[in-house]
N, C-alpha and C. Protein backbone atom coordinates (compact mmCIF):
# COMPACT_ATOMS: atom_id res chain seq x y z
N UNK A 1 0.85 -1.19 0.00
CA UNK A 1 0.00 0.00 0.00
C UNK A 1 0.88 1.24 0.00
N UNK A 2 0.50 2.21 -0.79
CA UNK A 2 1.27 3.45 -0.89
C UNK A 2 1.01 4.31 0.34
N UNK A 3 1.76 5.40 0.44
CA UNK A 3 1.55 6.33 1.53
C UNK A 3 0.47 7.35 1.22
N UNK A 4 -0.23 7.17 0.10
CA UNK A 4 -1.26 8.13 -0.29
C UNK A 4 -2.55 7.85 0.48
N UNK A 5 -3.20 8.93 0.90
CA UNK A 5 -4.48 8.81 1.61
C UNK A 5 -5.55 9.58 0.86
N UNK A 6 -6.76 9.06 0.94
CA UNK A 6 -7.88 9.72 0.29
C UNK A 6 -9.04 9.77 1.25
N UNK A 7 -9.78 10.85 1.16
CA UNK A 7 -10.97 11.06 1.95
C UNK A 7 -12.14 11.15 0.99
N UNK A 8 -13.17 10.34 1.19
CA UNK A 8 -14.34 10.36 0.33
C UNK A 8 -15.52 10.83 1.17
N UNK A 9 -16.24 11.81 0.67
CA UNK A 9 -17.41 12.31 1.38
C UNK A 9 -18.64 11.67 0.74
N UNK A 10 -19.35 10.87 1.51
CA UNK A 10 -20.56 10.21 1.06
C UNK A 10 -20.35 8.72 0.88
N UNK A 11 -21.17 7.92 1.56
CA UNK A 11 -21.08 6.47 1.48
C UNK A 11 -22.23 5.88 0.68
N UNK A 12 -22.66 6.62 -0.36
CA UNK A 12 -23.64 6.09 -1.29
C UNK A 12 -22.95 5.20 -2.30
N UNK A 13 -23.64 4.85 -3.36
CA UNK A 13 -23.07 3.97 -4.38
C UNK A 13 -21.84 4.61 -5.02
N UNK A 14 -21.93 5.88 -5.38
CA UNK A 14 -20.79 6.55 -6.01
C UNK A 14 -19.60 6.68 -5.08
N UNK A 15 -19.84 7.08 -3.84
CA UNK A 15 -18.75 7.23 -2.88
C UNK A 15 -18.07 5.91 -2.57
N UNK A 16 -18.86 4.86 -2.38
CA UNK A 16 -18.27 3.55 -2.09
C UNK A 16 -17.53 2.99 -3.30
N UNK A 17 -18.06 3.20 -4.50
CA UNK A 17 -17.36 2.73 -5.70
C UNK A 17 -16.03 3.46 -5.85
N UNK A 18 -16.02 4.78 -5.61
CA UNK A 18 -14.77 5.54 -5.67
C UNK A 18 -13.79 5.05 -4.60
N UNK A 19 -14.28 4.80 -3.40
CA UNK A 19 -13.43 4.32 -2.32
C UNK A 19 -12.83 2.95 -2.67
N UNK A 20 -13.64 2.07 -3.23
CA UNK A 20 -13.14 0.74 -3.63
C UNK A 20 -12.08 0.87 -4.71
N UNK A 21 -12.28 1.77 -5.67
CA UNK A 21 -11.30 1.97 -6.75
C UNK A 21 -9.98 2.51 -6.19
N UNK A 22 -10.07 3.49 -5.32
CA UNK A 22 -8.86 4.05 -4.72
C UNK A 22 -8.12 3.00 -3.88
N UNK A 23 -8.87 2.23 -3.10
CA UNK A 23 -8.24 1.18 -2.28
C UNK A 23 -7.58 0.14 -3.18
N UNK A 24 -8.23 -0.20 -4.27
CA UNK A 24 -7.67 -1.19 -5.21
C UNK A 24 -6.37 -0.67 -5.81
N UNK A 25 -6.25 0.65 -5.96
CA UNK A 25 -5.04 1.26 -6.50
C UNK A 25 -3.99 1.50 -5.42
N UNK A 26 -4.25 1.06 -4.20
CA UNK A 26 -3.26 1.15 -3.14
C UNK A 26 -3.38 2.32 -2.20
N UNK A 27 -4.43 3.11 -2.31
CA UNK A 27 -4.62 4.25 -1.41
C UNK A 27 -5.22 3.79 -0.08
N UNK A 28 -4.91 4.50 0.98
CA UNK A 28 -5.61 4.33 2.26
C UNK A 28 -6.81 5.26 2.20
N UNK A 29 -8.00 4.68 2.36
CA UNK A 29 -9.23 5.45 2.12
C UNK A 29 -10.10 5.48 3.36
N UNK A 30 -10.62 6.68 3.65
CA UNK A 30 -11.60 6.86 4.71
C UNK A 30 -12.82 7.54 4.09
N UNK A 31 -14.00 6.99 4.37
CA UNK A 31 -15.26 7.53 3.86
C UNK A 31 -16.03 8.13 5.03
N UNK A 32 -16.58 9.33 4.81
CA UNK A 32 -17.40 10.00 5.81
C UNK A 32 -18.81 10.14 5.25
N UNK A 33 -19.79 9.71 6.03
CA UNK A 33 -21.19 9.73 5.62
C UNK A 33 -22.00 10.50 6.65
N UNK A 34 -22.92 11.36 6.18
CA UNK A 34 -23.71 12.15 7.12
C UNK A 34 -24.78 11.34 7.83
N UNK A 35 -25.30 10.30 7.21
CA UNK A 35 -26.33 9.47 7.87
C UNK A 35 -25.70 8.77 9.08
N UNK A 36 -26.47 8.67 10.14
CA UNK A 36 -25.96 7.99 11.34
C UNK A 36 -25.88 6.48 11.16
N UNK A 37 -26.77 5.95 10.32
CA UNK A 37 -26.83 4.51 10.08
C UNK A 37 -26.97 4.29 8.58
N UNK A 38 -26.20 3.36 8.04
CA UNK A 38 -26.34 3.00 6.64
C UNK A 38 -27.47 1.98 6.55
N UNK A 39 -28.49 2.30 5.74
CA UNK A 39 -29.64 1.41 5.65
C UNK A 39 -30.19 1.42 4.23
N UNK A 40 -31.14 0.51 4.00
CA UNK A 40 -31.75 0.40 2.68
C UNK A 40 -32.47 1.70 2.33
N UNK A 41 -32.13 2.21 1.16
CA UNK A 41 -32.79 3.41 0.65
C UNK A 41 -33.00 3.19 -0.85
N UNK A 42 -34.15 3.56 -1.34
CA UNK A 42 -34.38 3.51 -2.77
C UNK A 42 -35.05 2.24 -3.23
N UNK A 43 -34.99 2.03 -4.52
CA UNK A 43 -35.66 0.89 -5.14
C UNK A 43 -34.72 0.28 -6.17
N UNK A 44 -35.29 -0.27 -7.22
CA UNK A 44 -34.47 -0.90 -8.25
C UNK A 44 -33.73 0.11 -9.09
N UNK A 45 -32.66 -0.35 -9.69
CA UNK A 45 -31.91 0.49 -10.62
C UNK A 45 -31.38 -0.36 -11.76
N UNK A 46 -31.09 0.29 -12.86
CA UNK A 46 -30.49 -0.37 -14.01
C UNK A 46 -29.01 -0.04 -14.04
N UNK A 47 -28.21 -1.04 -14.36
CA UNK A 47 -26.76 -0.87 -14.42
C UNK A 47 -26.34 -1.05 -15.87
N UNK A 48 -25.94 0.04 -16.51
CA UNK A 48 -25.59 0.04 -17.92
C UNK A 48 -24.30 -0.75 -18.17
N UNK A 49 -24.07 -1.19 -19.41
CA UNK A 49 -22.89 -1.99 -19.72
C UNK A 49 -21.56 -1.37 -19.29
N UNK A 50 -21.41 -0.05 -19.42
CA UNK A 50 -20.16 0.58 -18.99
C UNK A 50 -20.00 0.53 -17.47
N UNK A 51 -21.09 0.63 -16.73
CA UNK A 51 -21.02 0.50 -15.27
C UNK A 51 -20.73 -0.94 -14.87
N UNK A 52 -21.26 -1.90 -15.63
CA UNK A 52 -20.94 -3.32 -15.39
C UNK A 52 -19.44 -3.52 -15.55
N UNK A 53 -18.86 -2.92 -16.58
CA UNK A 53 -17.41 -3.03 -16.80
C UNK A 53 -16.64 -2.46 -15.61
N UNK A 54 -17.07 -1.33 -15.10
CA UNK A 54 -16.40 -0.72 -13.95
C UNK A 54 -16.52 -1.62 -12.72
N UNK A 55 -17.70 -2.19 -12.50
CA UNK A 55 -17.88 -3.08 -11.35
C UNK A 55 -17.05 -4.35 -11.51
N UNK A 56 -16.90 -4.83 -12.74
CA UNK A 56 -16.03 -5.99 -12.98
C UNK A 56 -14.58 -5.64 -12.65
N UNK A 57 -14.13 -4.45 -13.05
CA UNK A 57 -12.76 -4.02 -12.76
C UNK A 57 -12.53 -3.96 -11.25
N UNK A 58 -13.56 -3.57 -10.52
CA UNK A 58 -13.45 -3.50 -9.06
C UNK A 58 -13.52 -4.88 -8.41
N UNK A 59 -13.78 -5.92 -9.19
CA UNK A 59 -13.82 -7.27 -8.66
C UNK A 59 -15.20 -7.77 -8.29
N UNK A 60 -16.25 -7.03 -8.67
CA UNK A 60 -17.61 -7.39 -8.29
C UNK A 60 -18.38 -8.12 -9.39
N UNK A 61 -17.72 -8.45 -10.50
CA UNK A 61 -18.40 -9.08 -11.62
C UNK A 61 -19.17 -10.34 -11.27
N UNK A 62 -18.53 -11.35 -10.65
CA UNK A 62 -19.26 -12.58 -10.33
C UNK A 62 -20.44 -12.36 -9.39
N UNK A 63 -20.25 -11.52 -8.37
CA UNK A 63 -21.34 -11.25 -7.42
C UNK A 63 -22.48 -10.49 -8.10
N UNK A 64 -22.14 -9.54 -8.94
CA UNK A 64 -23.15 -8.78 -9.68
C UNK A 64 -23.98 -9.73 -10.54
N UNK A 65 -23.31 -10.59 -11.28
CA UNK A 65 -24.02 -11.51 -12.17
C UNK A 65 -24.88 -12.50 -11.39
N UNK A 66 -24.47 -12.84 -10.17
CA UNK A 66 -25.25 -13.77 -9.36
C UNK A 66 -26.48 -13.10 -8.73
N UNK A 67 -26.37 -11.81 -8.39
CA UNK A 67 -27.44 -11.14 -7.66
C UNK A 67 -28.38 -10.31 -8.53
N UNK A 68 -27.92 -9.92 -9.71
CA UNK A 68 -28.71 -9.04 -10.56
C UNK A 68 -29.40 -9.85 -11.66
N UNK A 69 -30.34 -9.21 -12.30
CA UNK A 69 -31.07 -9.84 -13.39
C UNK A 69 -30.72 -9.10 -14.68
N UNK A 70 -30.35 -9.86 -15.72
CA UNK A 70 -30.07 -9.26 -17.01
C UNK A 70 -31.32 -8.62 -17.59
N UNK A 71 -31.13 -7.57 -18.36
CA UNK A 71 -32.28 -6.91 -18.97
C UNK A 71 -31.87 -6.26 -20.28
N UNK A 72 -32.84 -5.94 -21.07
CA UNK A 72 -32.63 -5.19 -22.30
C UNK A 72 -33.09 -3.76 -22.09
N UNK A 73 -33.18 -3.03 -23.18
CA UNK A 73 -33.59 -1.63 -23.09
C UNK A 73 -34.32 -1.28 -24.39
N UNK A 74 -35.22 -0.33 -24.31
CA UNK A 74 -35.93 0.06 -25.52
C UNK A 74 -36.73 1.32 -25.32
N UNK A 75 -37.30 1.79 -26.43
CA UNK A 75 -38.14 2.99 -26.42
C UNK A 75 -39.41 2.64 -27.19
N UNK A 76 -40.57 2.97 -26.57
CA UNK A 76 -41.86 2.72 -27.21
C UNK A 76 -42.54 4.03 -27.58
N UNK A 77 -43.40 3.96 -28.58
CA UNK A 77 -44.24 5.10 -28.93
C UNK A 77 -45.36 5.21 -27.90
N UNK A 78 -46.14 6.27 -27.98
CA UNK A 78 -47.28 6.43 -27.08
C UNK A 78 -48.27 5.27 -27.20
N UNK A 79 -48.39 4.74 -28.40
CA UNK A 79 -49.34 3.64 -28.61
C UNK A 79 -48.79 2.29 -28.15
N UNK A 80 -47.53 2.26 -27.73
CA UNK A 80 -46.95 1.02 -27.21
C UNK A 80 -46.13 0.24 -28.22
N UNK A 81 -45.99 0.74 -29.44
CA UNK A 81 -45.16 0.07 -30.45
C UNK A 81 -43.69 0.36 -30.18
N UNK A 82 -42.85 -0.68 -30.29
CA UNK A 82 -41.42 -0.50 -30.07
C UNK A 82 -40.81 0.31 -31.20
N UNK A 83 -40.10 1.38 -30.86
CA UNK A 83 -39.33 2.14 -31.84
C UNK A 83 -37.92 1.54 -31.93
N UNK A 84 -37.34 1.26 -30.77
CA UNK A 84 -36.01 0.66 -30.66
C UNK A 84 -36.08 -0.33 -29.52
N UNK A 85 -35.49 -1.51 -29.73
CA UNK A 85 -35.48 -2.51 -28.66
C UNK A 85 -34.19 -3.30 -28.75
N UNK A 86 -33.43 -3.32 -27.66
CA UNK A 86 -32.19 -4.07 -27.58
C UNK A 86 -32.32 -5.09 -26.45
N UNK A 87 -32.09 -6.34 -26.76
CA UNK A 87 -32.10 -7.38 -25.72
C UNK A 87 -30.77 -7.35 -24.98
N UNK A 88 -30.70 -8.11 -23.90
CA UNK A 88 -29.44 -8.24 -23.17
C UNK A 88 -28.33 -8.76 -24.08
N UNK A 89 -28.66 -9.72 -24.95
CA UNK A 89 -27.67 -10.26 -25.89
C UNK A 89 -27.21 -9.19 -26.88
N UNK A 90 -28.15 -8.34 -27.34
CA UNK A 90 -27.79 -7.24 -28.24
C UNK A 90 -26.80 -6.29 -27.56
N UNK A 91 -27.09 -5.95 -26.32
CA UNK A 91 -26.22 -5.04 -25.57
C UNK A 91 -24.84 -5.66 -25.36
N UNK A 92 -24.82 -6.94 -25.03
CA UNK A 92 -23.54 -7.62 -24.81
C UNK A 92 -22.72 -7.67 -26.09
N UNK A 93 -23.38 -7.93 -27.21
CA UNK A 93 -22.67 -7.97 -28.49
C UNK A 93 -22.13 -6.58 -28.86
N UNK A 94 -22.94 -5.56 -28.63
CA UNK A 94 -22.56 -4.20 -29.02
C UNK A 94 -21.56 -3.57 -28.06
N UNK A 95 -21.75 -3.78 -26.74
CA UNK A 95 -20.94 -3.06 -25.74
C UNK A 95 -20.04 -3.96 -24.89
N UNK A 96 -20.14 -5.27 -25.09
CA UNK A 96 -19.27 -6.18 -24.35
C UNK A 96 -19.83 -6.63 -23.02
N UNK A 97 -20.94 -6.06 -22.59
CA UNK A 97 -21.61 -6.44 -21.35
C UNK A 97 -23.10 -6.23 -21.51
N UNK A 98 -23.89 -7.01 -20.78
CA UNK A 98 -25.33 -6.76 -20.78
C UNK A 98 -25.66 -5.62 -19.83
N UNK A 99 -26.92 -5.31 -19.74
CA UNK A 99 -27.43 -4.36 -18.76
C UNK A 99 -28.05 -5.21 -17.64
N UNK A 100 -27.92 -4.77 -16.41
CA UNK A 100 -28.49 -5.52 -15.30
C UNK A 100 -29.45 -4.64 -14.51
N UNK A 101 -30.38 -5.29 -13.84
CA UNK A 101 -31.28 -4.62 -12.91
C UNK A 101 -31.10 -5.28 -11.56
N UNK A 102 -31.08 -4.47 -10.51
CA UNK A 102 -31.03 -5.00 -9.15
C UNK A 102 -31.51 -3.94 -8.18
N UNK A 103 -31.80 -4.35 -6.97
CA UNK A 103 -32.24 -3.40 -5.96
C UNK A 103 -31.03 -2.56 -5.53
N UNK A 104 -31.26 -1.27 -5.38
CA UNK A 104 -30.20 -0.36 -4.98
C UNK A 104 -29.52 -0.82 -3.69
N UNK A 105 -30.30 -1.30 -2.73
CA UNK A 105 -29.74 -1.73 -1.45
C UNK A 105 -28.79 -2.92 -1.63
N UNK A 106 -29.09 -3.81 -2.59
CA UNK A 106 -28.20 -4.95 -2.83
C UNK A 106 -26.86 -4.50 -3.40
N UNK A 107 -26.89 -3.52 -4.33
CA UNK A 107 -25.64 -2.99 -4.87
C UNK A 107 -24.86 -2.26 -3.79
N UNK A 108 -25.55 -1.47 -2.98
CA UNK A 108 -24.89 -0.74 -1.90
C UNK A 108 -24.23 -1.71 -0.93
N UNK A 109 -24.94 -2.75 -0.54
CA UNK A 109 -24.40 -3.76 0.39
C UNK A 109 -23.19 -4.46 -0.22
N UNK A 110 -23.26 -4.77 -1.52
CA UNK A 110 -22.16 -5.43 -2.21
C UNK A 110 -20.90 -4.56 -2.15
N UNK A 111 -21.06 -3.26 -2.41
CA UNK A 111 -19.92 -2.34 -2.36
C UNK A 111 -19.39 -2.17 -0.94
N UNK A 112 -20.29 -2.04 0.02
CA UNK A 112 -19.88 -1.87 1.41
C UNK A 112 -19.15 -3.11 1.91
N UNK A 113 -19.69 -4.29 1.63
CA UNK A 113 -19.05 -5.53 2.08
C UNK A 113 -17.71 -5.75 1.38
N UNK A 114 -17.60 -5.27 0.14
CA UNK A 114 -16.37 -5.49 -0.62
C UNK A 114 -15.34 -4.39 -0.46
N UNK A 115 -15.61 -3.42 0.41
CA UNK A 115 -14.70 -2.28 0.55
C UNK A 115 -13.39 -2.63 1.24
N UNK A 116 -13.31 -3.80 1.86
CA UNK A 116 -12.05 -4.26 2.44
C UNK A 116 -11.46 -3.33 3.46
N UNK A 117 -10.31 -2.74 3.13
CA UNK A 117 -9.56 -1.92 4.08
C UNK A 117 -10.12 -0.51 4.23
N UNK A 118 -11.16 -0.16 3.51
CA UNK A 118 -11.75 1.18 3.59
C UNK A 118 -12.44 1.36 4.94
N UNK A 119 -12.20 2.49 5.58
CA UNK A 119 -12.85 2.82 6.85
C UNK A 119 -14.04 3.74 6.56
N UNK A 120 -15.19 3.42 7.14
CA UNK A 120 -16.39 4.24 6.94
C UNK A 120 -16.83 4.81 8.29
N UNK A 121 -16.97 6.13 8.35
CA UNK A 121 -17.46 6.82 9.54
C UNK A 121 -18.84 7.39 9.23
N UNK A 122 -19.83 7.08 10.04
CA UNK A 122 -21.17 7.63 9.86
C UNK A 122 -21.37 8.79 10.82
N UNK A 123 -22.43 9.56 10.59
CA UNK A 123 -22.75 10.68 11.47
C UNK A 123 -21.83 11.87 11.30
N UNK A 124 -21.23 12.04 10.12
CA UNK A 124 -20.33 13.16 9.83
C UNK A 124 -20.85 13.93 8.62
N UNK A 125 -21.33 15.14 8.84
CA UNK A 125 -21.82 15.97 7.75
C UNK A 125 -20.71 16.93 7.33
N UNK A 126 -20.30 16.88 6.06
CA UNK A 126 -19.26 17.77 5.55
C UNK A 126 -19.80 19.20 5.51
N UNK A 127 -18.99 20.14 5.99
CA UNK A 127 -19.41 21.54 6.01
C UNK A 127 -18.45 22.45 5.26
N UNK A 128 -17.32 21.90 4.81
CA UNK A 128 -16.39 22.73 4.05
C UNK A 128 -15.14 21.97 3.67
N UNK A 129 -14.49 22.43 2.59
CA UNK A 129 -13.25 21.85 2.11
C UNK A 129 -12.24 22.96 1.91
N UNK A 130 -11.02 22.74 2.37
CA UNK A 130 -9.93 23.68 2.16
C UNK A 130 -8.78 22.92 1.51
N UNK A 131 -8.22 23.49 0.44
CA UNK A 131 -7.08 22.86 -0.20
C UNK A 131 -5.84 23.69 0.01
N UNK A 132 -4.71 23.03 0.05
CA UNK A 132 -3.43 23.69 0.20
C UNK A 132 -2.40 23.00 -0.67
N UNK A 133 -1.16 23.42 -0.59
CA UNK A 133 -0.13 22.87 -1.47
C UNK A 133 0.16 21.38 -1.24
N UNK A 134 -0.19 20.85 -0.09
CA UNK A 134 0.13 19.44 0.18
C UNK A 134 -1.09 18.55 0.35
N UNK A 135 -2.28 19.10 0.20
CA UNK A 135 -3.46 18.26 0.35
C UNK A 135 -4.71 19.06 0.62
N UNK A 136 -5.67 18.37 1.20
CA UNK A 136 -6.97 19.00 1.46
C UNK A 136 -7.42 18.68 2.87
N UNK A 137 -8.23 19.56 3.43
CA UNK A 137 -8.86 19.33 4.73
C UNK A 137 -10.35 19.49 4.54
N UNK A 138 -11.10 18.60 5.17
CA UNK A 138 -12.55 18.66 5.12
C UNK A 138 -13.05 18.87 6.54
N UNK A 139 -13.93 19.85 6.71
CA UNK A 139 -14.54 20.11 8.00
C UNK A 139 -15.87 19.39 8.10
N UNK A 140 -16.15 18.81 9.25
CA UNK A 140 -17.38 18.07 9.47
C UNK A 140 -18.02 18.50 10.77
N UNK A 141 -19.33 18.30 10.86
CA UNK A 141 -19.98 18.30 12.16
C UNK A 141 -20.37 16.86 12.43
N UNK A 142 -20.31 16.48 13.67
CA UNK A 142 -20.67 15.11 14.04
C UNK A 142 -21.38 15.16 15.39
N UNK A 143 -21.80 14.00 15.86
CA UNK A 143 -22.45 13.92 17.16
C UNK A 143 -21.53 14.39 18.27
N UNK A 144 -20.22 14.34 18.01
CA UNK A 144 -19.23 14.73 19.03
C UNK A 144 -18.72 16.14 18.83
N UNK A 145 -19.31 16.88 17.88
CA UNK A 145 -18.87 18.25 17.64
C UNK A 145 -18.08 18.37 16.36
N UNK A 146 -17.39 19.52 16.16
CA UNK A 146 -16.64 19.74 14.93
C UNK A 146 -15.47 18.76 14.78
N UNK A 147 -15.20 18.34 13.55
CA UNK A 147 -14.11 17.41 13.24
C UNK A 147 -13.43 17.92 11.98
N UNK A 148 -12.13 17.79 11.90
CA UNK A 148 -11.40 18.10 10.68
C UNK A 148 -10.62 16.87 10.27
N UNK A 149 -10.69 16.52 9.01
CA UNK A 149 -9.92 15.40 8.48
C UNK A 149 -9.10 15.92 7.32
N UNK A 150 -7.92 15.34 7.13
CA UNK A 150 -7.03 15.80 6.06
C UNK A 150 -6.58 14.62 5.21
N UNK A 151 -6.37 14.89 3.94
CA UNK A 151 -5.83 13.89 3.02
C UNK A 151 -4.77 14.58 2.17
N UNK A 152 -3.65 13.92 1.98
CA UNK A 152 -2.57 14.48 1.18
C UNK A 152 -2.69 14.02 -0.26
N UNK A 153 -2.19 14.85 -1.15
CA UNK A 153 -2.16 14.47 -2.56
C UNK A 153 -1.11 15.30 -3.26
N UNK A 154 -0.65 14.78 -4.38
CA UNK A 154 0.25 15.56 -5.22
C UNK A 154 -0.63 16.42 -6.11
N UNK A 155 -0.11 17.55 -6.48
CA UNK A 155 -0.92 18.45 -7.29
C UNK A 155 -0.10 18.95 -8.46
N UNK A 156 -0.76 19.25 -9.54
CA UNK A 156 -0.12 19.91 -10.67
C UNK A 156 -0.39 21.39 -10.54
N UNK A 157 0.37 22.18 -11.28
CA UNK A 157 0.16 23.62 -11.20
C UNK A 157 -1.25 23.98 -11.65
N UNK A 158 -1.76 23.34 -12.71
CA UNK A 158 -3.12 23.62 -13.18
C UNK A 158 -4.15 23.23 -12.15
N UNK A 159 -3.95 22.09 -11.49
CA UNK A 159 -4.89 21.65 -10.47
C UNK A 159 -4.86 22.61 -9.29
N UNK A 160 -3.68 23.13 -8.97
CA UNK A 160 -3.57 24.07 -7.85
C UNK A 160 -4.37 25.33 -8.16
N UNK A 161 -4.29 25.81 -9.41
CA UNK A 161 -5.05 27.01 -9.78
C UNK A 161 -6.55 26.75 -9.65
N UNK A 162 -6.99 25.53 -10.01
CA UNK A 162 -8.41 25.22 -9.96
C UNK A 162 -8.82 24.72 -8.58
N UNK A 163 -7.86 24.52 -7.66
CA UNK A 163 -8.19 24.09 -6.31
C UNK A 163 -8.53 22.60 -6.23
N UNK A 164 -8.05 21.80 -7.21
CA UNK A 164 -8.35 20.37 -7.20
C UNK A 164 -7.06 19.58 -7.08
N UNK A 165 -7.14 18.42 -6.45
CA UNK A 165 -6.00 17.51 -6.34
C UNK A 165 -6.18 16.39 -7.35
N UNK A 166 -5.09 15.79 -7.74
CA UNK A 166 -5.14 14.59 -8.56
C UNK A 166 -3.94 13.72 -8.21
N UNK A 167 -4.07 12.43 -8.43
CA UNK A 167 -2.94 11.55 -8.19
C UNK A 167 -1.98 11.66 -9.35
N UNK A 168 -0.72 11.35 -9.13
CA UNK A 168 0.25 11.34 -10.22
C UNK A 168 1.26 10.26 -10.00
């Protein structure tokens, strides 16, 4: 594992996927979530072929295929006639992966369980971000009062002007 650290704000699907990707690349990752408890939220969702590819890269391919249901996609006219219709096989042939449907909570649980070395803190609401030449600090409020967390990163001159960090 490298000496690089990353701080991710939000333990939703996007935040956990980013945390898993960073951890897979050798970063030490801490996720801060404003909800006090992570629980089922939402309903079903569709996972497009490019997102399936990303989940496969993260190592979730077999679990995704076991828990999700393959699906196609299409567009109908007002009268119900298909204008365009692609089956799962069509999508796989065209894009290399099918489209899947699954409950949002199942995908969230899969990412959370597969996060490995990622640390997740709940009950922390982000209230501000400050960047400097060696990294960033995020201010939070929590049940225990104000908290500040910092993550280091290398920066390019262009990123410094825009106030963003990037790995290099």
